[in-house]
Amino acid sequence: MTAETVTYSLESVLKEIKDSIKGVDQKLDTFQKDVDQKLDTFQKDVDQKLDTFQKNVDQKLDNLEKSFEQKLDNLEKRFDQKLDNLEKSSEQKLDNLEKRFDQKLETLQKNVEQKLETLQKNVTDVKIGLATLTEKVDSMDNRLIKVEGTQSNQIWTLITLLSGSLIAVGFRAFFMGNNP
Protein backbone atom coordinates (compact mmCIF):
# COMPACT_ATOMS: atom_id res chain seq x y z
CA MET A 1 0.00 0.00 0.00
CA THR A 2 2.70 2.29 0.43
CA ALA A 3 3.53 2.18 -3.22
CA GLU A 4 0.04 2.94 -4.18
CA THR A 5 -0.29 5.66 -1.70
CA VAL A 6 2.81 7.32 -2.99
CA THR A 7 1.60 6.89 -6.56
CA TYR A 8 -1.72 8.19 -5.68
CA SER A 9 -0.16 11.05 -3.94
CA LEU A 10 2.10 11.74 -6.83
CA GLU A 11 -0.71 11.77 -9.29
CA SER A 12 -2.73 13.98 -7.10
CA VAL A 13 0.29 16.24 -6.55
CA LEU A 14 0.88 16.29 -10.28
CA LYS A 15 -2.74 17.03 -10.84
CA GLU A 16 -2.61 19.75 -8.27
CA ILE A 17 0.55 21.09 -9.89
CA LYS A 18 -1.13 20.97 -13.30
CA ASP A 19 -4.19 22.67 -11.88
CA SER A 20 -1.97 25.21 -10.23
CA ILE A 21 -0.10 25.70 -13.50
CA LYS A 22 -3.42 26.12 -15.31
CA GLY A 23 -4.50 28.63 -12.67
CA VAL A 24 -1.20 30.44 -13.00
CA ASP A 25 -1.55 30.27 -16.81
CA GLN A 26 -5.05 31.68 -16.56
CA LYS A 27 -3.87 34.36 -14.18
CA LEU A 28 -0.91 35.13 -16.47
CA ASP A 29 -3.25 35.19 -19.48
CA THR A 30 -5.62 37.47 -17.58
CA PHE A 31 -2.67 39.57 -16.40
CA GLN A 32 -1.29 39.68 -19.96
CA LYS A 33 -4.73 40.64 -21.31
CA ASP A 34 -5.04 43.32 -18.62
CA VAL A 35 -1.53 44.59 -19.35
CA ASP A 36 -2.19 44.49 -23.12
CA GLN A 37 -5.49 46.27 -22.58
CA LYS A 38 -3.85 48.85 -20.32
CA LEU A 39 -0.94 49.27 -22.77
CA ASP A 40 -3.42 49.64 -25.65
CA THR A 41 -5.37 52.18 -23.62
CA PHE A 42 -2.15 53.94 -22.64
CA GLN A 43 -0.94 53.91 -26.26
CA LYS A 44 -4.32 55.25 -27.42
CA ASP A 45 -4.11 57.98 -24.77
CA VAL A 46 -0.53 58.78 -25.75
CA ASP A 47 -1.48 58.74 -29.46
CA GLN A 48 -4.49 60.94 -28.74
CA LYS A 49 -2.38 63.31 -26.64
CA LEU A 50 0.35 63.34 -29.32
CA ASP A 51 -2.28 64.02 -31.99
CA THR A 52 -3.74 66.79 -29.84
CA PHE A 53 -0.25 68.13 -29.16
CA GLN A 54 0.62 67.98 -32.87
CA LYS A 55 -2.66 69.72 -33.74
CA ASN A 56 -1.96 72.38 -31.11
CA VAL A 57 1.61 72.82 -32.37
CA ASP A 58 0.37 72.94 -35.98
CA GLN A 59 -2.33 75.43 -35.01
CA LYS A 60 0.15 77.55 -33.07
CA LEU A 61 2.60 77.40 -35.99
CA ASP A 62 -0.20 78.36 -38.39
CA ASN A 63 -1.22 81.21 -36.08
CA LEU A 64 2.41 82.26 -35.74
CA GLU A 65 2.85 82.12 -39.52
CA LYS A 66 -0.35 84.13 -40.06
CA SER A 67 0.68 86.62 -37.39
CA PHE A 68 4.16 86.89 -38.92
CA GLU A 69 2.72 87.34 -42.42
CA GLN A 70 0.23 89.90 -41.11
CA LYS A 71 2.97 91.79 -39.28
CA LEU A 72 5.19 91.57 -42.34
CA ASP A 73 2.31 92.84 -44.52
CA ASN A 74 1.65 95.67 -42.05
CA LEU A 75 5.33 96.51 -41.98
CA GLU A 76 5.43 96.48 -45.78
CA LYS A 77 2.33 98.70 -45.93
CA ARG A 78 3.84 101.13 -43.42
CA PHE A 79 7.11 101.13 -45.32
CA ASP A 80 5.29 101.71 -48.63
CA GLN A 81 3.19 104.45 -47.03
CA LYS A 82 6.26 106.14 -45.58
CA LEU A 83 8.02 105.87 -48.94
CA ASP A 84 4.94 107.31 -50.67
CA ASN A 85 4.76 110.13 -48.11
CA LEU A 86 8.48 110.78 -48.52
CA GLU A 87 8.11 110.76 -52.30
CA LYS A 88 5.10 113.10 -52.14
CA SER A 89 6.89 115.38 -49.69
CA SER A 90 10.00 115.43 -51.89
CA GLU A 91 7.92 116.10 -55.00
CA GLN A 92 6.01 118.84 -53.18
CA LYS A 93 9.23 120.43 -51.95
CA LEU A 94 10.72 120.20 -55.44
CA ASP A 95 7.56 121.71 -56.91
CA ASN A 96 7.68 124.55 -54.36
CA LEU A 97 11.37 125.06 -55.07
CA GLU A 98 10.68 125.05 -58.80
CA LYS A 99 7.83 127.57 -58.35
CA ARG A 100 10.01 129.83 -56.22
CA PHE A 101 12.84 129.52 -58.74
CA ASP A 102 10.43 130.30 -61.61
CA GLN A 103 9.02 133.29 -59.70
CA LYS A 104 12.48 134.63 -58.94
CA LEU A 105 13.53 133.99 -62.53
CA GLU A 106 10.42 135.81 -63.80
CA THR A 107 11.07 138.68 -61.39
CA LEU A 108 14.69 138.82 -62.50
CA GLN A 109 13.63 138.65 -66.14
CA LYS A 110 11.10 141.47 -65.60
CA ASN A 111 13.76 143.54 -63.86
CA VAL A 112 16.24 142.90 -66.68
CA GLU A 113 13.58 143.68 -69.30
CA GLN A 114 12.61 146.85 -67.43
CA LYS A 115 16.25 147.89 -67.14
CA LEU A 116 16.77 147.07 -70.82
CA GLU A 117 13.71 149.16 -71.71
CA THR A 118 15.04 151.98 -69.54
CA LEU A 119 18.46 151.57 -71.14
CA GLN A 120 16.81 151.52 -74.58
CA LYS A 121 14.93 154.72 -73.72
CA ASN A 122 18.15 156.26 -72.42
CA VAL A 123 19.99 155.19 -75.59
CA THR A 124 17.15 156.64 -77.68
CA ASP A 125 17.31 159.83 -75.61
CA VAL A 126 21.09 159.92 -76.08
CA LYS A 127 20.64 159.39 -79.84
CA ILE A 128 18.09 162.20 -79.94
CA GLY A 129 20.40 164.36 -77.82
CA LEU A 130 23.33 163.45 -80.06
CA ALA A 131 21.30 164.30 -83.16
CA THR A 132 20.27 167.59 -81.55
CA LEU A 133 23.86 168.22 -80.49
CA THR A 134 25.11 167.35 -83.97
CA GLU A 135 22.54 169.73 -85.44
CA LYS A 136 23.58 172.43 -82.99
CA VAL A 137 27.26 171.82 -83.73
CA ASP A 138 26.51 172.03 -87.46
CA SER A 139 24.57 175.23 -86.79
CA MET A 140 27.48 176.53 -84.70
CA ASP A 141 29.89 175.60 -87.48
CA ASN A 142 27.78 177.59 -89.91
CA ARG A 143 27.63 180.50 -87.46
CA LEU A 144 31.36 180.26 -86.86
CA ILE A 145 31.97 180.30 -90.59
CA LYS A 146 29.68 183.33 -90.86
CA VAL A 147 31.36 184.94 -87.86
CA GLU A 148 34.78 184.14 -89.23
CA GLY A 149 33.74 185.57 -92.57
CA THR A 150 32.29 188.68 -90.90
CA GLN A 151 35.27 189.08 -88.60
CA SER A 152 37.64 188.57 -91.47
CA ASN A 153 35.86 191.28 -93.41
CA GLN A 154 35.89 193.51 -90.34
CA ILE A 155 39.59 192.87 -89.79
CA TRP A 156 40.36 193.71 -93.42
CA THR A 157 38.25 196.76 -93.11
CA LEU A 158 40.10 197.77 -89.96
CA ILE A 159 43.44 197.04 -91.59
CA THR A 160 42.45 199.14 -94.56
CA LEU A 161 41.24 201.99 -92.34
CA LEU A 162 44.32 201.86 -90.16
CA SER A 163 46.55 201.71 -93.21
CA GLY A 164 44.70 204.64 -94.70
CA SER A 165 44.99 206.56 -91.41
CA LEU A 166 48.65 205.78 -91.14
CA ILE A 167 49.22 206.84 -94.69
CA ALA A 168 47.29 210.04 -94.08
CA VAL A 169 49.16 210.74 -90.84
CA GLY A 170 52.44 209.89 -92.52
CA PHE A 171 51.60 212.05 -95.54
CA ARG A 172 50.62 214.87 -93.32
CA ALA A 173 53.62 214.51 -91.18
CA PHE A 174 55.91 214.24 -94.11
CA PHE A 175 54.39 216.80 -96.36
CA MET A 176 52.92 219.24 -93.99
CA GLY A 177 55.59 219.34 -91.53
CA ASN A 178 53.70 218.27 -88.61
CA ASN A 179 51.27 221.16 -88.55
CA PRO A 180 47.79 220.49 -88.26
C-alpha atoms as a PDB file:
ATOM      1  CA  MET A   1       0.000   0.000   0.000  1.00  0.00           C
ATOM      2  CA  THR A   2       2.695   2.286   0.433  1.00  0.00           C
ATOM      3  CA  ALA A   3       3.526   2.177  -3.215  1.00  0.00           C
ATOM      4  CA  GLU A   4       0.036   2.944  -4.183  1.00  0.00           C
ATOM      5  CA  THR A   5      -0.290   5.665  -1.699  1.00  0.00           C
ATOM      6  CA  VAL A   6       2.807   7.319  -2.988  1.00  0.00           C
ATOM      7  CA  THR A   7       1.602   6.885  -6.560  1.00  0.00           C
ATOM      8  CA  TYR A   8      -1.724   8.194  -5.676  1.00  0.00           C
ATOM      9  CA  SER A   9      -0.163  11.055  -3.937  1.00  0.00           C
ATOM     10  CA  LEU A  10       2.098  11.741  -6.834  1.00  0.00           C
ATOM     11  CA  GLU A  11      -0.706  11.771  -9.287  1.00  0.00           C
ATOM     12  CA  SER A  12      -2.727  13.976  -7.096  1.00  0.00           C
ATOM     13  CA  VAL A  13       0.293  16.237  -6.546  1.00  0.00           C
ATOM     14  CA  LEU A  14       0.882  16.289 -10.284  1.00  0.00           C
ATOM     15  CA  LYS A  15      -2.743  17.033 -10.844  1.00  0.00           C
ATOM     16  CA  GLU A  16      -2.607  19.755  -8.265  1.00  0.00           C
ATOM     17  CA  ILE A  17       0.545  21.094  -9.885  1.00  0.00           C
ATOM     18  CA  LYS A  18      -1.129  20.968 -13.304  1.00  0.00           C
ATOM     19  CA  ASP A  19      -4.188  22.669 -11.882  1.00  0.00           C
ATOM     20  CA  SER A  20      -1.970  25.213 -10.227  1.00  0.00           C
ATOM     21  CA  ILE A  21      -0.096  25.703 -13.498  1.00  0.00           C
ATOM     22  CA  LYS A  22      -3.418  26.116 -15.314  1.00  0.00           C
ATOM     23  CA  GLY A  23      -4.500  28.626 -12.669  1.00  0.00           C
ATOM     24  CA  VAL A  24      -1.198  30.443 -12.996  1.00  0.00           C
ATOM     25  CA  ASP A  25      -1.553  30.265 -16.809  1.00  0.00           C
ATOM     26  CA  GLN A  26      -5.048  31.683 -16.557  1.00  0.00           C
ATOM     27  CA  LYS A  27      -3.867  34.356 -14.179  1.00  0.00           C
ATOM     28  CA  LEU A  28      -0.913  35.126 -16.474  1.00  0.00           C
ATOM     29  CA  ASP A  29      -3.253  35.186 -19.481  1.00  0.00           C
ATOM     30  CA  THR A  30      -5.617  37.471 -17.576  1.00  0.00           C
ATOM     31  CA  PHE A  31      -2.668  39.569 -16.405  1.00  0.00           C
ATOM     32  CA  GLN A  32      -1.288  39.677 -19.961  1.00  0.00           C
ATOM     33  CA  LYS A  33      -4.731  40.636 -21.307  1.00  0.00           C
ATOM     34  CA  ASP A  34      -5.044  43.316 -18.624  1.00  0.00           C
ATOM     35  CA  VAL A  35      -1.532  44.594 -19.353  1.00  0.00           C
ATOM     36  CA  ASP A  36      -2.192  44.488 -23.120  1.00  0.00           C
ATOM     37  CA  GLN A  37      -5.486  46.273 -22.584  1.00  0.00           C
ATOM     38  CA  LYS A  38      -3.847  48.853 -20.319  1.00  0.00           C
ATOM     39  CA  LEU A  39      -0.943  49.269 -22.771  1.00  0.00           C
ATOM     40  CA  ASP A  40      -3.425  49.640 -25.645  1.00  0.00           C
ATOM     41  CA  THR A  41      -5.374  52.182 -23.622  1.00  0.00           C
ATOM     42  CA  PHE A  42      -2.147  53.945 -22.641  1.00  0.00           C
ATOM     43  CA  GLN A  43      -0.941  53.915 -26.263  1.00  0.00           C
ATOM     44  CA  LYS A  44      -4.319  55.251 -27.418  1.00  0.00           C
ATOM     45  CA  ASP A  45      -4.115  57.980 -24.771  1.00  0.00           C
ATOM     46  CA  VAL A  46      -0.530  58.777 -25.753  1.00  0.00           C
ATOM     47  CA  ASP A  47      -1.482  58.737 -29.462  1.00  0.00           C
ATOM     48  CA  GLN A  48      -4.486  60.938 -28.743  1.00  0.00           C
ATOM     49  CA  LYS A  49      -2.376  63.311 -26.643  1.00  0.00           C
ATOM     50  CA  LEU A  50       0.346  63.339 -29.320  1.00  0.00           C
ATOM     51  CA  ASP A  51      -2.283  64.018 -31.994  1.00  0.00           C
ATOM     52  CA  THR A  52      -3.739  66.787 -29.837  1.00  0.00           C
ATOM     53  CA  PHE A  53      -0.245  68.126 -29.157  1.00  0.00           C
ATOM     54  CA  GLN A  54       0.620  67.975 -32.867  1.00  0.00           C
ATOM     55  CA  LYS A  55      -2.662  69.717 -33.744  1.00  0.00           C
ATOM     56  CA  ASN A  56      -1.956  72.377 -31.110  1.00  0.00           C
ATOM     57  CA  VAL A  57       1.613  72.818 -32.368  1.00  0.00           C
ATOM     58  CA  ASP A  58       0.371  72.943 -35.983  1.00  0.00           C
ATOM     59  CA  GLN A  59      -2.332  75.426 -35.015  1.00  0.00           C
ATOM     60  CA  LYS A  60       0.153  77.551 -33.074  1.00  0.00           C
ATOM     61  CA  LEU A  61       2.602  77.403 -35.987  1.00  0.00           C
ATOM     62  CA  ASP A  62      -0.198  78.361 -38.389  1.00  0.00           C
ATOM     63  CA  ASN A  63      -1.218  81.209 -36.079  1.00  0.00           C
ATOM     64  CA  LEU A  64       2.411  82.260 -35.736  1.00  0.00           C
ATOM     65  CA  GLU A  65       2.851  82.122 -39.520  1.00  0.00           C
ATOM     66  CA  LYS A  66      -0.349  84.126 -40.058  1.00  0.00           C
ATOM     67  CA  SER A  67       0.682  86.616 -37.388  1.00  0.00           C
ATOM     68  CA  PHE A  68       4.156  86.894 -38.915  1.00  0.00           C
ATOM     69  CA  GLU A  69       2.715  87.339 -42.417  1.00  0.00           C
ATOM     70  CA  GLN A  70       0.233  89.902 -41.105  1.00  0.00           C
ATOM     71  CA  LYS A  71       2.966  91.788 -39.275  1.00  0.00           C
ATOM     72  CA  LEU A  72       5.187  91.574 -42.344  1.00  0.00           C
ATOM     73  CA  ASP A  73       2.313  92.841 -44.523  1.00  0.00           C
ATOM     74  CA  ASN A  74       1.647  95.671 -42.045  1.00  0.00           C
ATOM     75  CA  LEU A  75       5.333  96.514 -41.978  1.00  0.00           C
ATOM     76  CA  GLU A  76       5.430  96.475 -45.785  1.00  0.00           C
ATOM     77  CA  LYS A  77       2.329  98.701 -45.930  1.00  0.00           C
ATOM     78  CA  ARG A  78       3.837 101.130 -43.417  1.00  0.00           C
ATOM     79  CA  PHE A  79       7.112 101.126 -45.317  1.00  0.00           C
ATOM     80  CA  ASP A  80       5.291 101.707 -48.626  1.00  0.00           C
ATOM     81  CA  GLN A  81       3.188 104.445 -47.029  1.00  0.00           C
ATOM     82  CA  LYS A  82       6.260 106.140 -45.581  1.00  0.00           C
ATOM     83  CA  LEU A  83       8.018 105.873 -48.941  1.00  0.00           C
ATOM     84  CA  ASP A  84       4.944 107.311 -50.670  1.00  0.00           C
ATOM     85  CA  ASN A  85       4.762 110.126 -48.110  1.00  0.00           C
ATOM     86  CA  LEU A  86       8.475 110.779 -48.520  1.00  0.00           C
ATOM     87  CA  GLU A  87       8.106 110.764 -52.303  1.00  0.00           C
ATOM     88  CA  LYS A  88       5.097 113.101 -52.140  1.00  0.00           C
ATOM     89  CA  SER A  89       6.894 115.377 -49.689  1.00  0.00           C
ATOM     90  CA  SER A  90       9.996 115.430 -51.890  1.00  0.00           C
ATOM     91  CA  GLU A  91       7.920 116.100 -54.998  1.00  0.00           C
ATOM     92  CA  GLN A  92       6.013 118.838 -53.182  1.00  0.00           C
ATOM     93  CA  LYS A  93       9.227 120.430 -51.950  1.00  0.00           C
ATOM     94  CA  LEU A  94      10.722 120.202 -55.435  1.00  0.00           C
ATOM     95  CA  ASP A  95       7.555 121.714 -56.913  1.00  0.00           C
ATOM     96  CA  ASN A  96       7.676 124.551 -54.364  1.00  0.00           C
ATOM     97  CA  LEU A  97      11.368 125.057 -55.066  1.00  0.00           C
ATOM     98  CA  GLU A  98      10.677 125.054 -58.804  1.00  0.00           C
ATOM     99  CA  LYS A  99       7.827 127.573 -58.350  1.00  0.00           C
ATOM    100  CA  ARG A 100      10.015 129.827 -56.218  1.00  0.00           C
ATOM    101  CA  PHE A 101      12.836 129.517 -58.740  1.00  0.00           C
ATOM    102  CA  ASP A 102      10.432 130.298 -61.608  1.00  0.00           C
ATOM    103  CA  GLN A 103       9.021 133.286 -59.701  1.00  0.00           C
ATOM    104  CA  LYS A 104      12.480 134.626 -58.941  1.00  0.00           C
ATOM    105  CA  LEU A 105      13.534 133.992 -62.528  1.00  0.00           C
ATOM    106  CA  GLU A 106      10.421 135.808 -63.797  1.00  0.00           C
ATOM    107  CA  THR A 107      11.073 138.684 -61.390  1.00  0.00           C
ATOM    108  CA  LEU A 108      14.695 138.816 -62.501  1.00  0.00           C
ATOM    109  CA  GLN A 109      13.631 138.650 -66.143  1.00  0.00           C
ATOM    110  CA  LYS A 110      11.102 141.466 -65.602  1.00  0.00           C
ATOM    111  CA  ASN A 111      13.760 143.544 -63.861  1.00  0.00           C
ATOM    112  CA  VAL A 112      16.238 142.897 -66.676  1.00  0.00           C
ATOM    113  CA  GLU A 113      13.581 143.675 -69.300  1.00  0.00           C
ATOM    114  CA  GLN A 114      12.608 146.845 -67.426  1.00  0.00           C
ATOM    115  CA  LYS A 115      16.245 147.892 -67.142  1.00  0.00           C
ATOM    116  CA  LEU A 116      16.772 147.072 -70.820  1.00  0.00           C
ATOM    117  CA  GLU A 117      13.713 149.156 -71.712  1.00  0.00           C
ATOM    118  CA  THR A 118      15.041 151.983 -69.540  1.00  0.00           C
ATOM    119  CA  LEU A 119      18.456 151.566 -71.142  1.00  0.00           C
ATOM    120  CA  GLN A 120      16.813 151.525 -74.585  1.00  0.00           C
ATOM    121  CA  LYS A 121      14.931 154.718 -73.719  1.00  0.00           C
ATOM    122  CA  ASN A 122      18.146 156.256 -72.418  1.00  0.00           C
ATOM    123  CA  VAL A 123      19.986 155.187 -75.588  1.00  0.00           C
ATOM    124  CA  THR A 124      17.148 156.638 -77.679  1.00  0.00           C
ATOM    125  CA  ASP A 125      17.306 159.834 -75.611  1.00  0.00           C
ATOM    126  CA  VAL A 126      21.088 159.922 -76.076  1.00  0.00           C
ATOM    127  CA  LYS A 127      20.645 159.392 -79.841  1.00  0.00           C
ATOM    128  CA  ILE A 128      18.087 162.196 -79.941  1.00  0.00           C
ATOM    129  CA  GLY A 129      20.402 164.356 -77.824  1.00  0.00           C
ATOM    130  CA  LEU A 130      23.333 163.447 -80.060  1.00  0.00           C
ATOM    131  CA  ALA A 131      21.301 164.302 -83.165  1.00  0.00           C
ATOM    132  CA  THR A 132      20.274 167.594 -81.551  1.00  0.00           C
ATOM    133  CA  LEU A 133      23.862 168.224 -80.495  1.00  0.00           C
ATOM    134  CA  THR A 134      25.113 167.351 -83.975  1.00  0.00           C
ATOM    135  CA  GLU A 135      22.541 169.728 -85.438  1.00  0.00           C
ATOM    136  CA  LYS A 136      23.577 172.429 -82.994  1.00  0.00           C
ATOM    137  CA  VAL A 137      27.261 171.821 -83.731  1.00  0.00           C
ATOM    138  CA  ASP A 138      26.505 172.029 -87.461  1.00  0.00           C
ATOM    139  CA  SER A 139      24.568 175.229 -86.787  1.00  0.00           C
ATOM    140  CA  MET A 140      27.479 176.534 -84.702  1.00  0.00           C
ATOM    141  CA  ASP A 141      29.891 175.598 -87.482  1.00  0.00           C
ATOM    142  CA  ASN A 142      27.777 177.594 -89.911  1.00  0.00           C
ATOM    143  CA  ARG A 143      27.626 180.499 -87.464  1.00  0.00           C
ATOM    144  CA  LEU A 144      31.356 180.256 -86.863  1.00  0.00           C
ATOM    145  CA  ILE A 145      31.969 180.300 -90.586  1.00  0.00           C
ATOM    146  CA  LYS A 146      29.679 183.327 -90.865  1.00  0.00           C
ATOM    147  CA  VAL A 147      31.357 184.942 -87.864  1.00  0.00           C
ATOM    148  CA  GLU A 148      34.778 184.144 -89.234  1.00  0.00           C
ATOM    149  CA  GLY A 149      33.736 185.571 -92.569  1.00  0.00           C
ATOM    150  CA  THR A 150      32.293 188.680 -90.903  1.00  0.00           C
ATOM    151  CA  GLN A 151      35.270 189.077 -88.598  1.00  0.00           C
ATOM    152  CA  SER A 152      37.641 188.571 -91.471  1.00  0.00           C
ATOM    153  CA  ASN A 153      35.863 191.279 -93.410  1.00  0.00           C
ATOM    154  CA  GLN A 154      35.892 193.511 -90.344  1.00  0.00           C
ATOM    155  CA  ILE A 155      39.590 192.866 -89.786  1.00  0.00           C
ATOM    156  CA  TRP A 156      40.360 193.715 -93.421  1.00  0.00           C
ATOM    157  CA  THR A 157      38.249 196.762 -93.115  1.00  0.00           C
ATOM    158  CA  LEU A 158      40.102 197.766 -89.956  1.00  0.00           C
ATOM    159  CA  ILE A 159      43.443 197.043 -91.591  1.00  0.00           C
ATOM    160  CA  THR A 160      42.452 199.142 -94.561  1.00  0.00           C
ATOM    161  CA  LEU A 161      41.236 201.994 -92.342  1.00  0.00           C
ATOM    162  CA  LEU A 162      44.320 201.856 -90.156  1.00  0.00           C
ATOM    163  CA  SER A 163      46.547 201.715 -93.208  1.00  0.00           C
ATOM    164  CA  GLY A 164      44.698 204.640 -94.701  1.00  0.00           C
ATOM    165  CA  SER A 165      44.994 206.557 -91.412  1.00  0.00           C
ATOM    166  CA  LEU A 166      48.648 205.777 -91.139  1.00  0.00           C
ATOM    167  CA  ILE A 167      49.224 206.838 -94.694  1.00  0.00           C
ATOM    168  CA  ALA A 168      47.287 210.044 -94.076  1.00  0.00           C
ATOM    169  CA  VAL A 169      49.159 210.743 -90.842  1.00  0.00           C
ATOM    170  CA  GLY A 170      52.439 209.893 -92.520  1.00  0.00           C
ATOM    171  CA  PHE A 171      51.596 212.048 -95.535  1.00  0.00           C
ATOM    172  CA  ARG A 172      50.624 214.870 -93.318  1.00  0.00           C
ATOM    173  CA  ALA A 173      53.616 214.513 -91.183  1.00  0.00           C
ATOM    174  CA  PHE A 174      55.911 214.244 -94.114  1.00  0.00           C
ATOM    175  CA  PHE A 175      54.388 216.802 -96.360  1.00  0.00           C
ATOM    176  CA  MET A 176      52.921 219.243 -93.989  1.00  0.00           C
ATOM    177  CA  GLY A 177      55.591 219.345 -91.534  1.00  0.00           C
ATOM    178  CA  ASN A 178      53.700 218.270 -88.614  1.00  0.00           C
ATOM    179  CA  ASN A 179      51.270 221.161 -88.548  1.00  0.00           C
ATOM    180  CA  PRO A 180      47.795 220.493 -88.261  1.00  0.00           C
END
